[in-house]
Structures are given as structure tokens and as C-alpha cells.
Amino acid sequence: MNRTLLQSNAFVRAAKKYVKKNPSAAADIKTALTLLSADAFYAQLKTHKLKGNLEGFLACSAGYDLRIVFRFVQWEGKEAILLDTISSHDEVY
């Protein structure tokens, strides 16, 4: 089931900033987003629910130390994925 990926302004800014510092991460991000759209719980993504301040969000891996934070939303009558932010493991949590 392919879901539409909606990018928040915060996600776009964070992704540009991260790729500027780590140009080699662009391919990993693209791969992760493709997998996320196709199956948010694909094993390679290691998708998990978040707790605390980020309760209601999920995170997936886009590389060794890179995490994408997102949540499921309704958009045009279908379930979509709203990409909230992207950053290193320590910065997200």
C-alpha cells in the first residue's frame, strides 16, 4: 500500500541542513522514503513508536545514525505520512 508522503516545513529545512553537512546521506534518505511510502513497517526501517514528548509519533532509520520522525494522518480521504523532522539519533531523542 503506497502512502503519500507529506513534508512539513521543519522536515524540509532539517533534511537540507543534514544533507549539506553529510552529502552522502542523500541516497540513504531517498531509499528510506521510498520504503516508507511502500511499507512504513518494512524491517530495514526499524520503525518504532515514540514516547514522552514525541508520543503519537513514530521514527524509522534512514542510516546508521539518521532518524526520520513521522506520523500517520488523513489526507484527501486516504492515510498519508506526515514527515515531521529528520536528524541524528541523539538530536531526535
N, C-alpha and C. Protein backbone atom coordinates (compact mmCIF):
# COMPACT_ATOMS: atom_id res chain seq x y z
N MET A 1 0.85 -1.18 0.00
CA MET A 1 0.00 0.00 0.00
C MET A 1 0.89 1.25 0.00
N ASN A 2 0.93 1.94 -1.09
CA ASN A 2 1.73 3.16 -1.15
C ASN A 2 0.99 4.31 -0.49
N ARG A 3 1.65 4.95 0.44
CA ARG A 3 1.08 6.11 1.11
C ARG A 3 1.77 7.37 0.58
N THR A 4 1.01 8.44 0.53
CA THR A 4 1.56 9.72 0.14
C THR A 4 2.43 10.25 1.27
N LEU A 5 3.59 10.79 0.92
CA LEU A 5 4.47 11.40 1.91
C LEU A 5 4.28 12.91 1.86
N LEU A 6 3.91 13.49 2.99
CA LEU A 6 3.74 14.93 3.11
C LEU A 6 4.89 15.48 3.93
N GLN A 7 5.58 16.46 3.41
CA GLN A 7 6.75 17.01 4.10
C GLN A 7 6.39 18.30 4.82
N SER A 8 6.62 18.32 6.14
CA SER A 8 6.43 19.56 6.88
C SER A 8 7.58 20.51 6.54
N ASN A 9 7.38 21.79 6.80
CA ASN A 9 8.45 22.76 6.57
C ASN A 9 9.67 22.43 7.41
N ALA A 10 9.44 21.97 8.64
CA ALA A 10 10.54 21.60 9.53
C ALA A 10 11.34 20.44 8.94
N PHE A 11 10.65 19.48 8.35
CA PHE A 11 11.34 18.35 7.74
C PHE A 11 12.22 18.82 6.57
N VAL A 12 11.67 19.65 5.72
CA VAL A 12 12.42 20.14 4.56
C VAL A 12 13.68 20.88 5.00
N ARG A 13 13.52 21.77 5.99
CA ARG A 13 14.68 22.51 6.50
C ARG A 13 15.73 21.58 7.09
N ALA A 14 15.27 20.63 7.93
CA ALA A 14 16.19 19.71 8.59
C ALA A 14 16.90 18.81 7.58
N ALA A 15 16.18 18.36 6.56
CA ALA A 15 16.78 17.48 5.55
C ALA A 15 17.84 18.24 4.76
N LYS A 16 17.55 19.46 4.36
CA LYS A 16 18.53 20.26 3.62
C LYS A 16 19.78 20.50 4.46
N LYS A 17 19.58 20.83 5.72
CA LYS A 17 20.70 21.07 6.63
C LYS A 17 21.54 19.81 6.80
N TYR A 18 20.88 18.67 6.99
CA TYR A 18 21.60 17.42 7.21
C TYR A 18 22.39 17.01 5.96
N VAL A 19 21.76 17.11 4.79
CA VAL A 19 22.43 16.71 3.55
C VAL A 19 23.58 17.66 3.22
N LYS A 20 23.44 18.92 3.59
CA LYS A 20 24.53 19.88 3.35
C LYS A 20 25.77 19.47 4.14
N LYS A 21 25.57 19.01 5.37
CA LYS A 21 26.68 18.56 6.21
C LYS A 21 27.15 17.15 5.84
N ASN A 22 26.23 16.33 5.34
CA ASN A 22 26.51 14.92 5.04
C ASN A 22 25.97 14.56 3.66
N PRO A 23 26.63 15.01 2.59
CA PRO A 23 26.11 14.79 1.23
C PRO A 23 25.87 13.31 0.89
N SER A 24 26.65 12.43 1.47
CA SER A 24 26.50 11.01 1.16
C SER A 24 25.20 10.43 1.72
N ALA A 25 24.55 11.14 2.63
CA ALA A 25 23.31 10.66 3.25
C ALA A 25 22.10 10.81 2.32
N ALA A 26 22.23 11.58 1.26
CA ALA A 26 21.09 11.83 0.36
C ALA A 26 20.52 10.53 -0.20
N ALA A 27 21.38 9.61 -0.60
CA ALA A 27 20.91 8.33 -1.15
C ALA A 27 20.19 7.50 -0.09
N ASP A 28 20.71 7.50 1.14
CA ASP A 28 20.07 6.77 2.24
C ASP A 28 18.70 7.34 2.54
N ILE A 29 18.56 8.65 2.51
CA ILE A 29 17.28 9.29 2.78
C ILE A 29 16.28 8.93 1.69
N LYS A 30 16.71 9.00 0.44
CA LYS A 30 15.83 8.67 -0.68
C LYS A 30 15.35 7.22 -0.57
N THR A 31 16.25 6.31 -0.25
CA THR A 31 15.88 4.90 -0.10
C THR A 31 14.88 4.72 1.03
N ALA A 32 15.14 5.36 2.17
CA ALA A 32 14.25 5.24 3.32
C ALA A 32 12.86 5.79 3.00
N LEU A 33 12.80 6.90 2.31
CA LEU A 33 11.49 7.49 1.97
C LEU A 33 10.72 6.61 0.99
N THR A 34 11.42 5.99 0.07
CA THR A 34 10.77 5.07 -0.87
C THR A 34 10.19 3.88 -0.13
N LEU A 35 10.97 3.30 0.78
CA LEU A 35 10.50 2.17 1.58
C LEU A 35 9.35 2.59 2.48
N LEU A 36 9.46 3.78 3.08
CA LEU A 36 8.44 4.28 3.99
C LEU A 36 7.10 4.44 3.27
N SER A 37 7.14 4.95 2.07
CA SER A 37 5.92 5.12 1.29
C SER A 37 5.27 3.77 0.96
N ALA A 38 6.10 2.79 0.64
CA ALA A 38 5.59 1.47 0.25
C ALA A 38 5.10 0.66 1.46
N ASP A 39 5.87 0.70 2.57
CA ASP A 39 5.53 -0.08 3.76
C ASP A 39 6.24 0.55 4.95
N ALA A 40 5.50 1.29 5.75
CA ALA A 40 6.09 2.02 6.88
C ALA A 40 6.74 1.09 7.91
N PHE A 41 6.39 -0.18 7.86
CA PHE A 41 6.93 -1.11 8.84
C PHE A 41 7.87 -2.13 8.20
N TYR A 42 8.45 -1.78 7.07
CA TYR A 42 9.44 -2.62 6.41
C TYR A 42 10.60 -2.83 7.39
N ALA A 43 11.08 -4.06 7.50
CA ALA A 43 12.07 -4.42 8.53
C ALA A 43 13.32 -3.54 8.51
N GLN A 44 13.80 -3.18 7.35
CA GLN A 44 15.02 -2.38 7.23
C GLN A 44 14.87 -0.99 7.89
N LEU A 45 13.65 -0.49 7.95
CA LEU A 45 13.41 0.83 8.53
C LEU A 45 13.44 0.84 10.06
N LYS A 46 13.20 -0.31 10.67
CA LYS A 46 13.18 -0.42 12.14
C LYS A 46 12.22 0.61 12.75
N THR A 47 11.04 0.71 12.17
CA THR A 47 10.03 1.68 12.62
C THR A 47 9.57 1.35 14.03
N HIS A 48 9.45 2.38 14.86
CA HIS A 48 9.00 2.18 16.23
C HIS A 48 8.26 3.41 16.73
N LYS A 49 7.35 3.18 17.69
CA LYS A 49 6.60 4.28 18.31
C LYS A 49 7.50 5.02 19.27
N LEU A 50 7.22 6.31 19.42
CA LEU A 50 8.00 7.14 20.34
C LEU A 50 7.20 7.43 21.60
N LYS A 51 7.90 7.75 22.66
CA LYS A 51 7.27 8.03 23.95
C LYS A 51 7.66 9.43 24.41
N GLY A 52 7.11 9.82 25.54
CA GLY A 52 7.44 11.11 26.13
C GLY A 52 6.92 12.27 25.32
N ASN A 53 7.76 13.26 25.09
CA ASN A 53 7.36 14.46 24.34
C ASN A 53 6.96 14.15 22.91
N LEU A 54 7.43 13.03 22.38
CA LEU A 54 7.13 12.66 21.00
C LEU A 54 6.06 11.58 20.89
N GLU A 55 5.28 11.39 21.95
CA GLU A 55 4.22 10.39 21.91
C GLU A 55 3.24 10.72 20.79
N GLY A 56 2.84 9.69 20.06
CA GLY A 56 1.96 9.88 18.91
C GLY A 56 2.74 9.90 17.59
N PHE A 57 4.05 9.99 17.69
CA PHE A 57 4.91 9.97 16.50
C PHE A 57 5.60 8.61 16.42
N LEU A 58 6.11 8.33 15.23
CA LEU A 58 6.92 7.14 15.02
C LEU A 58 8.25 7.59 14.45
N ALA A 59 9.24 6.73 14.52
CA ALA A 59 10.54 7.04 13.93
C ALA A 59 11.01 5.83 13.15
N CYS A 60 11.78 6.09 12.11
CA CYS A 60 12.40 5.00 11.35
C CYS A 60 13.85 5.38 11.05
N SER A 61 14.62 4.38 10.77
CA SER A 61 16.03 4.56 10.49
C SER A 61 16.24 4.83 9.01
N ALA A 62 17.09 5.82 8.73
CA ALA A 62 17.46 6.12 7.34
C ALA A 62 18.97 5.99 7.18
N GLY A 63 19.56 5.20 8.02
CA GLY A 63 21.00 5.01 8.03
C GLY A 63 21.44 4.73 9.45
N TYR A 64 22.71 4.52 9.65
CA TYR A 64 23.22 4.14 10.96
C TYR A 64 22.76 5.07 12.08
N ASP A 65 22.94 6.37 11.89
CA ASP A 65 22.62 7.32 12.96
C ASP A 65 21.59 8.36 12.52
N LEU A 66 20.80 8.05 11.52
CA LEU A 66 19.85 9.01 10.97
C LEU A 66 18.43 8.52 11.19
N ARG A 67 17.57 9.39 11.75
CA ARG A 67 16.19 9.01 12.03
C ARG A 67 15.23 9.99 11.37
N ILE A 68 14.11 9.44 10.87
CA ILE A 68 13.02 10.22 10.33
C ILE A 68 11.85 10.08 11.29
N VAL A 69 11.34 11.21 11.76
CA VAL A 69 10.19 11.21 12.67
C VAL A 69 8.96 11.56 11.85
N PHE A 70 7.90 10.77 12.02
CA PHE A 70 6.69 10.96 11.22
C PHE A 70 5.46 10.51 12.00
N ARG A 71 4.30 10.77 11.40
CA ARG A 71 3.03 10.26 11.95
C ARG A 71 2.07 10.03 10.80
N PHE A 72 1.09 9.19 11.06
CA PHE A 72 0.06 8.91 10.07
C PHE A 72 -1.03 9.98 10.19
N VAL A 73 -1.49 10.47 9.05
CA VAL A 73 -2.54 11.49 9.00
C VAL A 73 -3.52 11.13 7.88
N GLN A 74 -4.68 11.75 7.92
CA GLN A 74 -5.64 11.61 6.82
C GLN A 74 -5.42 12.77 5.86
N TRP A 75 -5.32 12.47 4.57
CA TRP A 75 -5.12 13.50 3.56
C TRP A 75 -5.90 13.08 2.32
N GLU A 76 -6.81 13.92 1.91
CA GLU A 76 -7.67 13.67 0.75
C GLU A 76 -8.38 12.31 0.87
N GLY A 77 -8.84 12.02 2.08
CA GLY A 77 -9.61 10.82 2.32
C GLY A 77 -8.81 9.54 2.42
N LYS A 78 -7.50 9.63 2.41
CA LYS A 78 -6.64 8.45 2.49
C LYS A 78 -5.61 8.65 3.59
N GLU A 79 -5.06 7.53 4.06
CA GLU A 79 -3.99 7.62 5.05
C GLU A 79 -2.69 8.04 4.37
N ALA A 80 -2.04 9.02 4.95
CA ALA A 80 -0.78 9.52 4.42
C ALA A 80 0.23 9.58 5.56
N ILE A 81 1.47 9.88 5.23
CA ILE A 81 2.53 10.00 6.22
C ILE A 81 3.02 11.43 6.22
N LEU A 82 2.93 12.08 7.38
CA LEU A 82 3.44 13.44 7.54
C LEU A 82 4.85 13.34 8.12
N LEU A 83 5.83 13.76 7.35
CA LEU A 83 7.23 13.74 7.78
C LEU A 83 7.47 14.97 8.65
N ASP A 84 7.81 14.74 9.91
CA ASP A 84 7.95 15.84 10.86
C ASP A 84 9.36 16.40 10.89
N THR A 85 10.36 15.55 11.03
CA THR A 85 11.74 16.01 11.06
C THR A 85 12.68 14.86 10.72
N ILE A 86 13.93 15.20 10.52
CA ILE A 86 14.97 14.22 10.25
C ILE A 86 16.24 14.72 10.90
N SER A 87 16.95 13.83 11.57
CA SER A 87 18.17 14.24 12.25
C SER A 87 18.91 13.01 12.77
N SER A 88 20.02 13.26 13.43
CA SER A 88 20.76 12.15 14.03
C SER A 88 19.98 11.59 15.20
N HIS A 89 20.30 10.40 15.59
CA HIS A 89 19.62 9.72 16.69
C HIS A 89 19.60 10.58 17.95
N ASP A 90 20.73 11.12 18.34
CA ASP A 90 20.83 11.90 19.57
C ASP A 90 20.03 13.22 19.50
N GLU A 91 19.98 13.84 18.34
CA GLU A 91 19.25 15.10 18.21
C GLU A 91 17.73 14.89 18.22
N VAL A 92 17.27 13.77 17.68
CA VAL A 92 15.83 13.48 17.65
C VAL A 92 15.32 13.13 19.03
N TYR A 93 16.04 12.30 19.74
CA TYR A 93 15.59 11.81 21.04
C TYR A 93 16.15 12.67 22.14
